[in-house]
């Protein structure tokens, strides 16, 4: 769930995404997110955003915004997410890592609600970008792709080997184009897929047998 400030209100970081600098980043990312939602319009999708956004003509889904201790929109929820297991084709976490409290629990829930072959699109602030000076003191957190790949694998998702940088570098101006690797862009998107291991061994491969300690193979 979104982190709360000591007085029980939304963390200050949420206010930054509504600022001019924050909106330049959010507006840079929206076209990319809409393309991801249109790419897999069914089953439904879920988009977790840091501020109010418009999904546009992207099929059926729920756009939820970080609110007062919960995600708010067509419904109000925390964890666990109110979606059946294997119910969603796409999940977008747009800067939830910068705002959310138990992020590992949120990632685990995202893996649960995705269909086999479903995709998670994780948008994260880039700690190497000069734009970080614009969110300094806002209570936001950033992270490197390697760290997030490890977290995604822990919940059973397989991340793409290359992330894509997006957003402004220093000037407060939306930049919709993406580039390979985070570079100096304000943020990057890391995609991961839910893959289920086959129930039967691949043809031509003998099944692996694990022996209990102390037992012989004969």
C-alpha atoms as a PDB file:
ATOM      1  CA  UNK A   1       0.000   0.000   0.000  1.00  0.00           C
ATOM      2  CA  UNK A   2       1.163   3.607  -0.406  1.00  0.00           C
ATOM      3  CA  UNK A   3       3.292   4.774   2.468  1.00  0.00           C
ATOM      4  CA  UNK A   4       1.780   7.157   4.980  1.00  0.00           C
ATOM      5  CA  UNK A   5       3.326  10.195   6.595  1.00  0.00           C
ATOM      6  CA  UNK A   6       3.386  10.326  10.435  1.00  0.00           C
ATOM      7  CA  UNK A   7       0.044  12.160  10.514  1.00  0.00           C
ATOM      8  CA  UNK A   8      -1.642   9.414   8.482  1.00  0.00           C
ATOM      9  CA  UNK A   9      -1.756  11.375   5.234  1.00  0.00           C
ATOM     10  CA  UNK A  10      -0.261  10.260   1.910  1.00  0.00           C
ATOM     11  CA  UNK A  11       3.529  10.528   1.774  1.00  0.00           C
ATOM     12  CA  UNK A  12       4.957  13.777   0.426  1.00  0.00           C
ATOM     13  CA  UNK A  13       6.289  11.927  -2.616  1.00  0.00           C
ATOM     14  CA  UNK A  14       2.782  11.671  -4.051  1.00  0.00           C
ATOM     15  CA  UNK A  15       2.590  15.449  -4.177  1.00  0.00           C
ATOM     16  CA  UNK A  16       5.756  15.551  -6.286  1.00  0.00           C
ATOM     17  CA  UNK A  17       4.144  13.586  -9.113  1.00  0.00           C
ATOM     18  CA  UNK A  18       1.446  16.267  -9.282  1.00  0.00           C
ATOM     19  CA  UNK A  19       4.082  19.018  -9.574  1.00  0.00           C
ATOM     20  CA  UNK A  20       5.353  20.438 -12.862  1.00  0.00           C
ATOM     21  CA  UNK A  21       8.518  18.313 -12.726  1.00  0.00           C
ATOM     22  CA  UNK A  22       6.564  15.195 -11.778  1.00  0.00           C
ATOM     23  CA  UNK A  23       3.997  15.702 -14.507  1.00  0.00           C
ATOM     24  CA  UNK A  24       6.724  16.034 -17.141  1.00  0.00           C
ATOM     25  CA  UNK A  25       7.795  12.509 -16.191  1.00  0.00           C
ATOM     26  CA  UNK A  26       4.285  11.060 -15.885  1.00  0.00           C
ATOM     27  CA  UNK A  27       3.229  12.490 -19.258  1.00  0.00           C
ATOM     28  CA  UNK A  28       6.384  11.033 -20.842  1.00  0.00           C
ATOM     29  CA  UNK A  29       5.343   7.571 -19.679  1.00  0.00           C
ATOM     30  CA  UNK A  30       1.616   7.540 -20.451  1.00  0.00           C
ATOM     31  CA  UNK A  31       1.918   6.796 -24.214  1.00  0.00           C
ATOM     32  CA  UNK A  32       4.188   3.826 -23.471  1.00  0.00           C
ATOM     33  CA  UNK A  33       1.765   2.514 -20.846  1.00  0.00           C
ATOM     34  CA  UNK A  34      -1.238   2.874 -23.136  1.00  0.00           C
ATOM     35  CA  UNK A  35       0.563   0.899 -25.855  1.00  0.00           C
ATOM     36  CA  UNK A  36       1.271  -1.853 -23.337  1.00  0.00           C
ATOM     37  CA  UNK A  37      -2.392  -2.014 -22.318  1.00  0.00           C
ATOM     38  CA  UNK A  38      -3.637  -2.061 -25.923  1.00  0.00           C
ATOM     39  CA  UNK A  39      -1.148  -4.804 -26.793  1.00  0.00           C
ATOM     40  CA  UNK A  40      -3.015  -7.215 -24.492  1.00  0.00           C
ATOM     41  CA  UNK A  41      -6.560  -5.852 -24.060  1.00  0.00           C
ATOM     42  CA  UNK A  42      -7.974  -9.141 -22.719  1.00  0.00           C
ATOM     43  CA  UNK A  43      -8.190 -10.358 -20.059  1.00  0.00           C
ATOM     44  CA  UNK A  44      -8.529  -7.081 -18.126  1.00  0.00           C
ATOM     45  CA  UNK A  45      -5.538  -5.089 -16.898  1.00  0.00           C
ATOM     46  CA  UNK A  46      -4.633  -3.040 -13.815  1.00  0.00           C
ATOM     47  CA  UNK A  47      -2.676   0.227 -13.811  1.00  0.00           C
ATOM     48  CA  UNK A  48      -1.317   1.508 -10.483  1.00  0.00           C
ATOM     49  CA  UNK A  49      -0.451   5.183 -10.925  1.00  0.00           C
ATOM     50  CA  UNK A  50       1.102   7.831  -8.658  1.00  0.00           C
ATOM     51  CA  UNK A  51      -1.488  10.477  -9.623  1.00  0.00           C
ATOM     52  CA  UNK A  52      -4.754  10.655 -11.598  1.00  0.00           C
ATOM     53  CA  UNK A  53      -4.290   9.558 -15.229  1.00  0.00           C
ATOM     54  CA  UNK A  54      -6.496   8.774 -18.214  1.00  0.00           C
ATOM     55  CA  UNK A  55      -6.292   5.270 -19.656  1.00  0.00           C
ATOM     56  CA  UNK A  56      -8.049   6.259 -22.862  1.00  0.00           C
ATOM     57  CA  UNK A  57      -9.262   3.571 -25.278  1.00  0.00           C
ATOM     58  CA  UNK A  58      -7.297   0.648 -23.836  1.00  0.00           C
ATOM     59  CA  UNK A  59      -9.983  -1.954 -23.259  1.00  0.00           C
ATOM     60  CA  UNK A  60     -11.255  -3.174 -19.903  1.00  0.00           C
ATOM     61  CA  UNK A  61      -9.230  -2.528 -16.806  1.00  0.00           C
ATOM     62  CA  UNK A  62      -8.863  -0.703 -13.514  1.00  0.00           C
ATOM     63  CA  UNK A  63      -6.745   2.414 -13.120  1.00  0.00           C
ATOM     64  CA  UNK A  64      -5.937   2.875  -9.431  1.00  0.00           C
ATOM     65  CA  UNK A  65      -4.170   5.864  -7.906  1.00  0.00           C
ATOM     66  CA  UNK A  66      -2.065   6.040  -4.762  1.00  0.00           C
ATOM     67  CA  UNK A  67      -4.323   7.573  -2.120  1.00  0.00           C
ATOM     68  CA  UNK A  68      -4.702   7.953   1.615  1.00  0.00           C
ATOM     69  CA  UNK A  69      -3.202   4.651   2.722  1.00  0.00           C
ATOM     70  CA  UNK A  70      -4.744   2.689  -0.152  1.00  0.00           C
ATOM     71  CA  UNK A  71      -5.128   2.468  -3.918  1.00  0.00           C
ATOM     72  CA  UNK A  72      -8.211   4.358  -5.101  1.00  0.00           C
ATOM     73  CA  UNK A  73     -10.253   4.532  -8.286  1.00  0.00           C
ATOM     74  CA  UNK A  74     -13.053   2.284  -9.503  1.00  0.00           C
ATOM     75  CA  UNK A  75     -12.455   0.516  -6.184  1.00  0.00           C
ATOM     76  CA  UNK A  76     -10.468   1.164  -3.015  1.00  0.00           C
ATOM     77  CA  UNK A  77      -8.051  -1.506  -1.909  1.00  0.00           C
ATOM     78  CA  UNK A  78      -4.853  -2.453  -0.182  1.00  0.00           C
ATOM     79  CA  UNK A  79      -3.139  -5.824  -0.012  1.00  0.00           C
ATOM     80  CA  UNK A  80      -4.041  -8.478  -0.904  1.00  0.00           C
ATOM     81  CA  UNK A  81      -5.311  -7.131  -4.218  1.00  0.00           C
ATOM     82  CA  UNK A  82      -9.029  -7.754  -4.876  1.00  0.00           C
ATOM     83  CA  UNK A  83      -8.443  -9.675  -8.116  1.00  0.00           C
ATOM     84  CA  UNK A  84      -8.725 -13.416  -8.651  1.00  0.00           C
ATOM     85  CA  UNK A  85      -5.548 -15.369  -9.319  1.00  0.00           C
ATOM     86  CA  UNK A  86      -4.717 -15.427 -13.018  1.00  0.00           C
ATOM     87  CA  UNK A  87      -7.311 -12.756 -13.812  1.00  0.00           C
ATOM     88  CA  UNK A  88      -5.210  -9.995 -15.449  1.00  0.00           C
ATOM     89  CA  UNK A  89      -3.275  -9.838 -18.701  1.00  0.00           C
ATOM     90  CA  UNK A  90      -1.157  -6.821 -17.800  1.00  0.00           C
ATOM     91  CA  UNK A  91      -0.195  -5.008 -14.620  1.00  0.00           C
ATOM     92  CA  UNK A  92       1.503  -1.612 -14.647  1.00  0.00           C
ATOM     93  CA  UNK A  93       3.279  -0.357 -11.533  1.00  0.00           C
ATOM     94  CA  UNK A  94       4.014   3.267 -12.357  1.00  0.00           C
ATOM     95  CA  UNK A  95       6.395   4.404  -9.617  1.00  0.00           C
ATOM     96  CA  UNK A  96       4.730   2.278  -6.983  1.00  0.00           C
ATOM     97  CA  UNK A  97       8.250   1.329  -5.772  1.00  0.00           C
ATOM     98  CA  UNK A  98       8.833   5.009  -4.980  1.00  0.00           C
ATOM     99  CA  UNK A  99       5.598   5.286  -2.977  1.00  0.00           C
ATOM    100  CA  UNK A 100       4.558   1.868  -1.708  1.00  0.00           C
ATOM    101  CA  UNK A 101       5.426   0.386   1.667  1.00  0.00           C
ATOM    102  CA  UNK A 102       5.619  -3.446   1.402  1.00  0.00           C
ATOM    103  CA  UNK A 103       6.792  -3.484  -2.201  1.00  0.00           C
ATOM    104  CA  UNK A 104       7.821  -7.148  -2.169  1.00  0.00           C
ATOM    105  CA  UNK A 105       4.317  -8.088  -1.054  1.00  0.00           C
ATOM    106  CA  UNK A 106       2.880  -5.960  -3.870  1.00  0.00           C
ATOM    107  CA  UNK A 107       5.113  -7.666  -6.449  1.00  0.00           C
ATOM    108  CA  UNK A 108       4.042 -11.050  -5.118  1.00  0.00           C
ATOM    109  CA  UNK A 109       0.395 -10.055  -5.530  1.00  0.00           C
ATOM    110  CA  UNK A 110       1.053  -8.846  -9.078  1.00  0.00           C
ATOM    111  CA  UNK A 111       2.541 -12.237  -9.936  1.00  0.00           C
ATOM    112  CA  UNK A 112      -0.485 -13.976  -8.441  1.00  0.00           C
ATOM    113  CA  UNK A 113      -3.114 -12.028 -10.392  1.00  0.00           C
ATOM    114  CA  UNK A 114      -1.355 -12.289 -13.780  1.00  0.00           C
ATOM    115  CA  UNK A 115      -2.374 -14.959 -16.272  1.00  0.00           C
ATOM    116  CA  UNK A 116       0.270 -17.369 -17.526  1.00  0.00           C
ATOM    117  CA  UNK A 117       2.207 -15.322 -20.057  1.00  0.00           C
ATOM    118  CA  UNK A 118       0.925 -12.068 -18.547  1.00  0.00           C
ATOM    119  CA  UNK A 119       3.279  -9.122 -18.242  1.00  0.00           C
ATOM    120  CA  UNK A 120       4.251  -6.697 -15.513  1.00  0.00           C
ATOM    121  CA  UNK A 121       5.512  -3.264 -16.544  1.00  0.00           C
ATOM    122  CA  UNK A 122       7.515  -1.719 -13.712  1.00  0.00           C
ATOM    123  CA  UNK A 123       8.395   1.986 -13.971  1.00  0.00           C
ATOM    124  CA  UNK A 124      11.132   3.064 -11.567  1.00  0.00           C
ATOM    125  CA  UNK A 125      12.983   6.306 -10.836  1.00  0.00           C
ATOM    126  CA  UNK A 126      16.572   6.236 -12.091  1.00  0.00           C
ATOM    127  CA  UNK A 127      19.106   6.977  -9.309  1.00  0.00           C
ATOM    128  CA  UNK A 128      21.762   7.949 -11.908  1.00  0.00           C
ATOM    129  CA  UNK A 129      19.684  10.639 -13.628  1.00  0.00           C
ATOM    130  CA  UNK A 130      20.388  14.358 -13.109  1.00  0.00           C
ATOM    131  CA  UNK A 131      16.593  14.656 -12.776  1.00  0.00           C
ATOM    132  CA  UNK A 132      16.948  13.132  -9.303  1.00  0.00           C
ATOM    133  CA  UNK A 133      17.785  16.634  -8.062  1.00  0.00           C
ATOM    134  CA  UNK A 134      14.208  17.617  -8.928  1.00  0.00           C
ATOM    135  CA  UNK A 135      12.721  14.976  -6.614  1.00  0.00           C
ATOM    136  CA  UNK A 136      15.353  15.388  -3.887  1.00  0.00           C
ATOM    137  CA  UNK A 137      13.686  15.867  -0.503  1.00  0.00           C
ATOM    138  CA  UNK A 138      10.324  14.597  -1.762  1.00  0.00           C
ATOM    139  CA  UNK A 139      10.571  11.297   0.097  1.00  0.00           C
ATOM    140  CA  UNK A 140      10.895   9.200  -3.068  1.00  0.00           C
ATOM    141  CA  UNK A 141      13.113   6.185  -3.594  1.00  0.00           C
ATOM    142  CA  UNK A 142      14.959   5.033  -6.712  1.00  0.00           C
ATOM    143  CA  UNK A 143      16.641   1.747  -7.572  1.00  0.00           C
ATOM    144  CA  UNK A 144      18.908   0.096 -10.123  1.00  0.00           C
ATOM    145  CA  UNK A 145      17.601  -2.492 -12.633  1.00  0.00           C
ATOM    146  CA  UNK A 146      19.706  -5.335 -11.212  1.00  0.00           C
ATOM    147  CA  UNK A 147      18.056  -4.983  -7.811  1.00  0.00           C
ATOM    148  CA  UNK A 148      14.577  -5.039  -9.339  1.00  0.00           C
ATOM    149  CA  UNK A 149      15.361  -8.044 -11.535  1.00  0.00           C
ATOM    150  CA  UNK A 150      16.288 -10.001  -8.440  1.00  0.00           C
ATOM    151  CA  UNK A 151      13.061  -9.010  -6.738  1.00  0.00           C
ATOM    152  CA  UNK A 152      10.989  -9.943  -9.766  1.00  0.00           C
ATOM    153  CA  UNK A 153      12.604 -13.362 -10.008  1.00  0.00           C
ATOM    154  CA  UNK A 154      11.934 -13.996  -6.320  1.00  0.00           C
ATOM    155  CA  UNK A 155       8.182 -13.732  -6.957  1.00  0.00           C
ATOM    156  CA  UNK A 156       8.308 -15.987 -10.015  1.00  0.00           C
ATOM    157  CA  UNK A 157       8.499 -13.422 -12.825  1.00  0.00           C
ATOM    158  CA  UNK A 158      11.111 -13.450 -15.593  1.00  0.00           C
ATOM    159  CA  UNK A 159      12.380  -9.910 -16.359  1.00  0.00           C
ATOM    160  CA  UNK A 160      13.601  -8.760 -19.752  1.00  0.00           C
ATOM    161  CA  UNK A 161      17.403  -8.542 -19.954  1.00  0.00           C
ATOM    162  CA  UNK A 162      17.348  -4.875 -20.995  1.00  0.00           C
ATOM    163  CA  UNK A 163      15.381  -2.025 -19.438  1.00  0.00           C
ATOM    164  CA  UNK A 164      14.370   1.109 -21.336  1.00  0.00           C
ATOM    165  CA  UNK A 165      15.083   4.644 -20.192  1.00  0.00           C
ATOM    166  CA  UNK A 166      12.262   7.158 -20.489  1.00  0.00           C
ATOM    167  CA  UNK A 167      11.470  10.716 -19.500  1.00  0.00           C
ATOM    168  CA  UNK A 168      13.432  13.955 -19.219  1.00  0.00           C
ATOM    169  CA  UNK A 169      17.092  14.111 -18.283  1.00  0.00           C
ATOM    170  CA  UNK A 170      17.221  17.551 -16.697  1.00  0.00           C
ATOM    171  CA  UNK A 171      14.886  19.960 -18.483  1.00  0.00           C
ATOM    172  CA  UNK A 172      11.277  19.900 -17.277  1.00  0.00           C
ATOM    173  CA  UNK A 173       9.785  18.710 -20.534  1.00  0.00           C
ATOM    174  CA  UNK A 174       8.048  15.464 -21.484  1.00  0.00           C
ATOM    175  CA  UNK A 175      10.137  13.074 -23.608  1.00  0.00           C
ATOM    176  CA  UNK A 176       8.130  10.110 -24.871  1.00  0.00           C
ATOM    177  CA  UNK A 177      10.903   8.307 -26.746  1.00  0.00           C
ATOM    178  CA  UNK A 178      12.628   5.366 -25.072  1.00  0.00           C
ATOM    179  CA  UNK A 179      16.242   4.219 -25.278  1.00  0.00           C
ATOM    180  CA  UNK A 180      17.996   0.977 -24.383  1.00  0.00           C
ATOM    181  CA  UNK A 181      19.180   1.025 -20.800  1.00  0.00           C
ATOM    182  CA  UNK A 182      18.328   3.630 -18.145  1.00  0.00           C
ATOM    183  CA  UNK A 183      21.130   5.991 -19.226  1.00  0.00           C
ATOM    184  CA  UNK A 184      20.493   9.423 -17.724  1.00  0.00           C
ATOM    185  CA  UNK A 185      16.721   9.370 -18.233  1.00  0.00           C
ATOM    186  CA  UNK A 186      14.594  10.249 -15.214  1.00  0.00           C
ATOM    187  CA  UNK A 187      13.065   6.770 -15.124  1.00  0.00           C
ATOM    188  CA  UNK A 188      13.165   3.390 -16.794  1.00  0.00           C
ATOM    189  CA  UNK A 189      10.687   0.627 -17.529  1.00  0.00           C
ATOM    190  CA  UNK A 190      11.473  -2.982 -16.721  1.00  0.00           C
ATOM    191  CA  UNK A 191       9.164  -5.639 -18.149  1.00  0.00           C
ATOM    192  CA  UNK A 192       8.707  -9.108 -16.720  1.00  0.00           C
ATOM    193  CA  UNK A 193       6.612 -12.112 -17.791  1.00  0.00           C
ATOM    194  CA  UNK A 194       4.851 -14.766 -15.770  1.00  0.00           C
ATOM    195  CA  UNK A 195       6.106 -18.107 -16.991  1.00  0.00           C
ATOM    196  CA  UNK A 196       4.958 -21.491 -15.761  1.00  0.00           C
ATOM    197  CA  UNK A 197       7.325 -24.478 -15.979  1.00  0.00           C
ATOM    198  CA  UNK A 198       5.975 -27.346 -18.129  1.00  0.00           C
ATOM    199  CA  UNK A 199       4.348 -30.178 -16.215  1.00  0.00           C
ATOM    200  CA  UNK A 200       6.115 -32.821 -18.331  1.00  0.00           C
ATOM    201  CA  UNK A 201       9.848 -33.028 -19.138  1.00  0.00           C
ATOM    202  CA  UNK A 202      10.999 -31.718 -22.481  1.00  0.00           C
ATOM    203  CA  UNK A 203      11.343 -34.372 -25.186  1.00  0.00           C
ATOM    204  CA  UNK A 204      14.698 -36.123 -25.165  1.00  0.00           C
ATOM    205  CA  UNK A 205      15.546 -35.103 -21.611  1.00  0.00           C
ATOM    206  CA  UNK A 206      15.490 -37.568 -18.746  1.00  0.00           C
ATOM    207  CA  UNK A 207      13.784 -36.298 -15.601  1.00  0.00           C
ATOM    208  CA  UNK A 208      16.095 -35.257 -12.804  1.00  0.00           C
ATOM    209  CA  UNK A 209      15.827 -37.346  -9.637  1.00  0.00           C
ATOM    210  CA  UNK A 210      16.627 -35.826  -6.282  1.00  0.00           C
ATOM    211  CA  UNK A 211      17.744 -38.369  -3.694  1.00  0.00           C
ATOM    212  CA  UNK A 212      17.180 -37.909  -0.002  1.00  0.00           C
ATOM    213  CA  UNK A 213      20.303 -37.621   2.087  1.00  0.00           C
ATOM    214  CA  UNK A 214      21.566 -41.039   3.145  1.00  0.00           C
ATOM    215  CA  UNK A 215      19.829 -43.057   0.393  1.00  0.00           C
ATOM    216  CA  UNK A 216      21.712 -44.825  -2.368  1.00  0.00           C
ATOM    217  CA  UNK A 217      20.749 -44.769  -6.017  1.00  0.00           C
ATOM    218  CA  UNK A 218      20.625 -48.578  -6.239  1.00  0.00           C
END
